[in-house]
Amino acid sequence: MVVIGGGEQRASDGTGILERFVDLSGGPRARIVVITTASGEPRRVESEYLEVFDALGVEHVCALRLEDREQANSAHARGVLTAATGVFFAGGDQFRIAAVLGGTRVDSLLHARVRDGLVLAGTSAGAAMMSSTMVLGGEGVGVNTGSVRTGPGMEFLPRLLIDMHFAERGRLTRLLSAVANFPHELGVGIDEDTALVVEGERFEVIGSGSVTMVDAGPANHVEVLAGPHGPIGIIGARLHVLPAGYTFELNDREPCIVRTGDGADGGRTAS
């Protein structure tokens, strides 16, 4: 899976996030399906991404319009997705993805196909929906119960609680508030033009920004007080900031440290 924090660059110089998605999906022979369920302007967004993937050399790319649950239960949708090697969810309103697709035949098929090797990607709302607990909103300035709204997500990445546009919109307090409510989940804040590439029990960070991880597992105190803006206390949680090239082991909840090498090429080596 390729989980993008939004605002991905769409250049074709061989280093972009979307190019990585195309490569994982099969390169020029990929069969990519673009889904704009989250968008309020699906026709425009479809056109933009179809043009991008065409410019990246994908021979077979199409849009699948899923605007209601009837379409999400249709034989047509299942046929299109069965033939796909990569599926891309565009941004917008993540609640709409869960409301339209949750529990449908498309939902079941996508989960089964991901287990079999389908590459699933999403940007912004298309990333947030991959969590079990989905961040829906909240822009409070403090760490409290009023700083975040959550709901059930699509459960493609059940151990992660994903927030997007992270550094650009100052969402650390929102993520801390969410993780305090769901301390069994790893909080993941993804900057724009940044993504996780999840393979098995590990993810790699790619792109121009960073990923901020909040882990309340080691915390020896988590307190969430009732009320519309009830204060939250967290003591002993861990925080990691991971730029491109760093990896994270999901089972062990541990990052892999990457250091700049001393060689002439200035390359990075993992330790």
Protein backbone atom coordinates (compact mmCIF):
# COMPACT_ATOMS: atom_id res chain seq x y z
CA MET A 1 0.00 0.00 0.00
CA VAL A 2 1.08 3.57 -0.72
CA VAL A 3 -0.32 6.01 1.85
CA ILE A 4 0.15 9.65 0.80
CA GLY A 5 -0.23 12.72 3.02
CA GLY A 6 -1.70 14.81 0.20
CA GLY A 7 -0.14 17.41 -2.08
CA GLU A 8 2.00 14.88 -3.96
CA GLN A 9 4.20 16.23 -6.73
CA ARG A 10 3.23 15.01 -10.17
CA ALA A 11 6.55 15.34 -11.99
CA SER A 12 7.88 12.51 -14.15
CA ASP A 13 11.58 12.51 -13.27
CA GLY A 14 11.67 9.01 -11.80
CA THR A 15 11.58 10.06 -8.14
CA GLY A 16 7.93 10.89 -7.48
CA ILE A 17 5.48 9.11 -5.19
CA LEU A 18 3.03 8.42 -8.00
CA GLU A 19 5.83 6.91 -10.06
CA ARG A 20 6.62 4.56 -7.18
CA PHE A 21 2.96 3.53 -7.13
CA VAL A 22 3.04 2.89 -10.88
CA ASP A 23 6.24 0.86 -10.57
CA LEU A 24 4.79 -1.29 -7.78
CA SER A 25 1.61 -1.79 -9.82
CA GLY A 26 3.48 -3.17 -12.83
CA GLY A 27 5.08 -0.22 -14.60
CA PRO A 28 3.87 0.51 -18.14
CA ARG A 29 1.79 -2.68 -18.08
CA ALA A 30 -0.04 -1.70 -14.90
CA ARG A 31 -3.83 -1.56 -14.94
CA ILE A 32 -4.69 1.36 -12.67
CA VAL A 33 -8.16 2.34 -11.50
CA VAL A 34 -8.78 5.84 -10.11
CA ILE A 35 -11.61 6.23 -7.57
CA THR A 36 -12.83 9.75 -6.67
CA THR A 37 -15.63 8.87 -4.23
CA ALA A 38 -14.26 11.37 -1.68
CA SER A 39 -14.23 14.30 -4.08
CA GLY A 40 -16.87 16.95 -4.56
CA GLU A 41 -15.58 17.44 -8.11
CA PRO A 42 -15.11 13.88 -9.34
CA ARG A 43 -15.00 14.67 -13.06
CA ARG A 44 -12.20 17.22 -12.68
CA VAL A 45 -10.17 15.04 -10.30
CA GLU A 46 -10.57 11.98 -12.50
CA SER A 47 -9.33 13.95 -15.50
CA GLU A 48 -6.27 15.21 -13.60
CA TYR A 49 -5.16 11.77 -12.41
CA LEU A 50 -5.91 10.03 -15.70
CA GLU A 51 -3.65 12.59 -17.38
CA VAL A 52 -0.92 12.10 -14.77
CA PHE A 53 -0.87 8.31 -15.04
CA ASP A 54 -0.99 8.49 -18.83
CA ALA A 55 2.05 10.81 -18.76
CA LEU A 56 3.80 8.27 -16.52
CA GLY A 57 3.46 5.69 -19.28
CA VAL A 58 0.62 3.55 -17.92
CA GLU A 59 -1.05 1.76 -20.81
CA HIS A 60 -4.31 0.96 -19.04
CA VAL A 61 -5.81 3.55 -16.68
CA CYS A 62 -9.48 4.25 -16.08
CA ALA A 63 -11.79 5.97 -13.60
CA LEU A 64 -14.38 3.99 -11.64
CA ARG A 65 -17.24 6.22 -10.49
CA LEU A 66 -18.62 5.03 -7.14
CA GLU A 67 -21.08 7.67 -5.97
CA ASP A 68 -23.59 5.46 -4.16
CA ARG A 69 -23.84 2.04 -2.60
CA GLU A 70 -25.70 0.59 -5.57
CA GLN A 71 -22.68 1.30 -7.75
CA ALA A 72 -20.39 -0.11 -5.04
CA ASN A 73 -22.33 -3.38 -5.12
CA SER A 74 -22.50 -3.62 -8.90
CA ALA A 75 -21.06 -6.36 -11.09
CA HIS A 76 -19.45 -3.64 -13.23
CA ALA A 77 -17.41 -2.31 -10.31
CA ARG A 78 -16.31 -5.78 -9.30
CA GLY A 79 -15.24 -6.55 -12.87
CA VAL A 80 -13.15 -3.38 -13.17
CA LEU A 81 -11.42 -3.97 -9.83
CA THR A 82 -10.80 -7.65 -10.49
CA ALA A 83 -8.72 -6.70 -13.54
CA ALA A 84 -6.75 -3.95 -11.76
CA THR A 85 -3.15 -4.20 -10.57
CA GLY A 86 -3.31 -0.84 -8.77
CA VAL A 87 -6.18 1.19 -7.27
CA PHE A 88 -5.80 4.88 -6.40
CA PHE A 89 -8.17 6.76 -4.07
CA ALA A 90 -8.14 10.54 -4.53
CA GLY A 91 -8.71 13.07 -1.75
CA GLY A 92 -11.75 14.95 -0.49
CA ASP A 93 -13.97 13.78 2.37
CA GLN A 94 -12.89 10.50 3.94
CA PHE A 95 -16.25 10.00 5.63
CA ARG A 96 -17.85 9.75 2.20
CA ILE A 97 -15.56 6.82 1.27
CA ALA A 98 -16.55 4.88 4.37
CA ALA A 99 -20.26 5.72 4.00
CA VAL A 100 -20.45 4.77 0.31
CA LEU A 101 -18.12 1.76 0.26
CA GLY A 102 -18.19 0.32 3.78
CA GLY A 103 -19.49 -3.24 3.84
CA THR A 104 -20.23 -3.34 0.10
CA ARG A 105 -19.00 -5.91 -2.38
CA VAL A 106 -16.33 -3.45 -3.51
CA ASP A 107 -15.12 -3.21 0.10
CA SER A 108 -14.88 -7.00 0.44
CA LEU A 109 -13.23 -7.38 -2.96
CA LEU A 110 -10.60 -4.72 -2.27
CA HIS A 111 -9.62 -6.36 1.01
CA ALA A 112 -9.33 -9.74 -0.66
CA ARG A 113 -7.34 -8.35 -3.57
CA VAL A 114 -4.94 -6.44 -1.28
CA ARG A 115 -4.21 -9.72 0.49
CA ASP A 116 -3.47 -11.25 -2.93
CA GLY A 117 -1.08 -8.48 -4.00
CA LEU A 118 -3.16 -5.60 -5.38
CA VAL A 119 -1.37 -2.28 -4.81
CA LEU A 120 -3.72 0.13 -3.02
CA ALA A 121 -2.83 3.83 -2.85
CA GLY A 122 -4.61 6.83 -1.41
CA THR A 123 -3.86 10.51 -0.97
CA SER A 124 -5.24 12.82 1.74
CA ALA A 125 -8.76 11.48 2.45
CA GLY A 126 -7.80 8.40 0.46
CA ALA A 127 -5.03 7.82 3.01
CA ALA A 128 -7.05 8.64 6.13
CA MET A 129 -9.73 6.10 5.24
CA MET A 130 -7.23 3.21 5.41
CA SER A 131 -7.24 3.24 9.24
CA SER A 132 -9.63 1.31 11.45
CA THR A 133 -10.19 4.47 13.45
CA MET A 134 -10.43 7.31 10.95
CA VAL A 135 -9.66 10.95 11.70
CA LEU A 136 -12.64 12.96 10.42
CA GLY A 137 -11.68 16.45 11.52
CA GLY A 138 -10.91 18.75 14.42
CA GLU A 139 -8.70 21.80 14.50
CA GLY A 140 -8.42 22.58 18.21
CA VAL A 141 -5.25 24.25 19.50
CA GLY A 142 -4.79 22.01 22.54
CA VAL A 143 -4.55 18.33 23.37
CA ASN A 144 -8.11 17.69 24.49
CA THR A 145 -11.26 15.80 23.56
CA GLY A 146 -12.46 18.65 21.34
CA SER A 147 -9.37 18.68 19.13
CA VAL A 148 -10.29 15.62 17.06
CA ARG A 149 -13.32 13.85 15.62
CA THR A 150 -13.03 10.20 14.71
CA GLY A 151 -15.14 7.45 13.19
CA PRO A 152 -14.79 3.95 11.77
CA GLY A 153 -12.51 3.64 8.73
CA MET A 154 -12.03 0.98 6.09
CA GLU A 155 -9.46 -1.09 8.06
CA PHE A 156 -6.87 -1.64 5.35
CA LEU A 157 -4.21 -0.70 7.94
CA PRO A 158 -5.85 -1.63 11.26
CA ARG A 159 -2.88 -0.84 13.51
CA LEU A 160 -2.37 2.71 12.22
CA LEU A 161 -4.31 5.88 12.93
CA ILE A 162 -3.49 8.14 9.98
CA ASP A 163 -3.60 11.94 9.70
CA MET A 164 -2.52 13.87 6.60
CA HIS A 165 -1.30 17.35 5.54
CA PHE A 166 0.44 17.00 8.88
CA ALA A 167 3.19 19.63 9.16
CA GLU A 168 1.50 22.03 6.76
CA ARG A 169 -1.66 22.27 8.87
CA GLY A 170 -0.10 21.89 12.33
CA ARG A 171 -1.92 18.70 13.30
CA LEU A 172 0.28 17.33 16.10
CA THR A 173 -2.24 18.21 18.82
CA ARG A 174 -4.98 16.52 16.79
CA LEU A 175 -2.95 13.33 16.43
CA LEU A 176 -1.98 13.31 20.12
CA SER A 177 -5.63 13.70 21.07
CA ALA A 178 -6.64 10.83 18.78
CA VAL A 179 -3.93 8.47 20.04
CA ALA A 180 -4.86 9.19 23.66
CA ASN A 181 -8.37 7.96 22.87
CA PHE A 182 -7.06 4.89 20.99
CA PRO A 183 -3.66 4.08 22.57
CA HIS A 184 -3.50 0.61 20.99
CA GLU A 185 -3.09 2.25 17.57
CA LEU A 186 0.05 3.93 16.24
CA GLY A 187 -0.51 7.56 15.35
CA VAL A 188 0.90 8.42 11.92
CA GLY A 189 1.08 12.04 10.73
CA ILE A 190 2.12 12.27 7.08
CA ASP A 191 3.38 15.53 5.58
CA GLU A 192 2.39 16.62 2.08
CA ASP A 193 4.35 15.10 -0.82
CA THR A 194 5.30 12.28 1.56
CA ALA A 195 4.12 8.69 1.75
CA LEU A 196 4.42 5.37 3.50
CA VAL A 197 5.11 2.37 1.29
CA VAL A 198 3.75 -0.53 3.34
CA GLU A 199 4.95 -4.03 2.50
CA GLY A 200 4.15 -6.80 4.96
CA GLU A 201 5.07 -5.74 8.49
CA ARG A 202 7.28 -2.81 7.48
CA PHE A 203 6.84 0.56 5.89
CA GLU A 204 9.35 2.87 4.20
CA VAL A 205 9.05 6.66 4.07
CA ILE A 206 9.38 8.31 0.65
CA GLY A 207 8.90 11.86 -0.58
CA SER A 208 10.08 15.33 0.40
CA GLY A 209 8.66 15.60 3.94
CA SER A 210 8.54 13.49 7.07
CA VAL A 211 6.26 11.10 8.93
CA THR A 212 5.59 11.76 12.62
CA MET A 213 4.83 8.67 14.72
CA VAL A 214 3.10 8.83 18.10
CA ASP A 215 3.19 5.60 20.11
CA ALA A 216 1.24 5.52 23.36
CA GLY A 217 2.07 1.85 23.94
CA PRO A 218 4.99 2.58 26.33
CA ALA A 219 3.07 5.32 28.15
CA ASN A 220 2.63 4.70 31.87
CA HIS A 221 -0.23 7.18 32.14
CA VAL A 222 -3.02 8.10 29.70
CA GLU A 223 -5.99 10.08 30.99
CA VAL A 224 -8.87 11.40 28.90
CA LEU A 225 -11.39 13.43 30.91
CA ALA A 226 -15.01 13.66 29.80
CA GLY A 227 -16.52 16.78 28.35
CA PRO A 228 -16.54 18.64 25.03
CA HIS A 229 -13.03 19.95 25.67
CA GLY A 230 -11.88 17.61 28.43
CA PRO A 231 -8.13 17.75 29.07
CA ILE A 232 -5.89 14.84 28.12
CA GLY A 233 -2.79 13.67 29.99
CA ILE A 234 -0.13 11.42 28.44
CA ILE A 235 3.12 10.47 30.22
CA GLY A 236 5.83 8.28 28.72
CA ALA A 237 4.63 8.06 25.12
CA ARG A 238 7.19 7.86 22.30
CA LEU A 239 7.48 10.20 19.33
CA HIS A 240 9.49 9.60 16.14
CA VAL A 241 10.07 11.84 13.12
CA LEU A 242 11.04 9.83 10.05
CA PRO A 243 12.21 11.42 6.77
CA ALA A 244 12.61 9.66 3.43
CA GLY A 245 14.62 6.43 3.58
CA TYR A 246 13.70 5.56 7.16
CA THR A 247 11.69 2.42 7.81
CA PHE A 248 9.45 1.27 10.62
CA GLU A 249 8.76 -2.26 11.88
CA LEU A 250 5.07 -2.50 12.71
CA ASN A 251 5.22 -5.67 14.82
CA ASP A 252 8.03 -4.35 17.03
CA ARG A 253 6.80 -0.73 16.85
CA GLU A 254 10.40 0.30 16.17
CA PRO A 255 11.96 2.65 13.58
CA CYS A 256 15.15 1.81 11.72
CA ILE A 257 17.70 4.58 12.18
CA VAL A 258 19.23 5.96 8.99
CA ARG A 259 22.47 7.92 9.11
CA THR A 260 24.17 10.00 6.44
CA GLY A 261 27.26 8.13 5.24
CA ASP A 262 30.75 9.58 5.27
CA GLY A 263 31.53 8.44 1.74
CA ALA A 264 31.95 10.68 -1.27
CA ASP A 265 28.47 9.81 -2.53
CA GLY A 266 26.88 11.10 0.67
CA GLY A 267 24.65 8.07 0.72
CA ARG A 268 22.64 6.86 3.63
CA THR A 269 23.15 3.62 5.49
CA ALA A 270 20.76 1.96 7.90
CA SER A 271 21.88 0.81 11.32
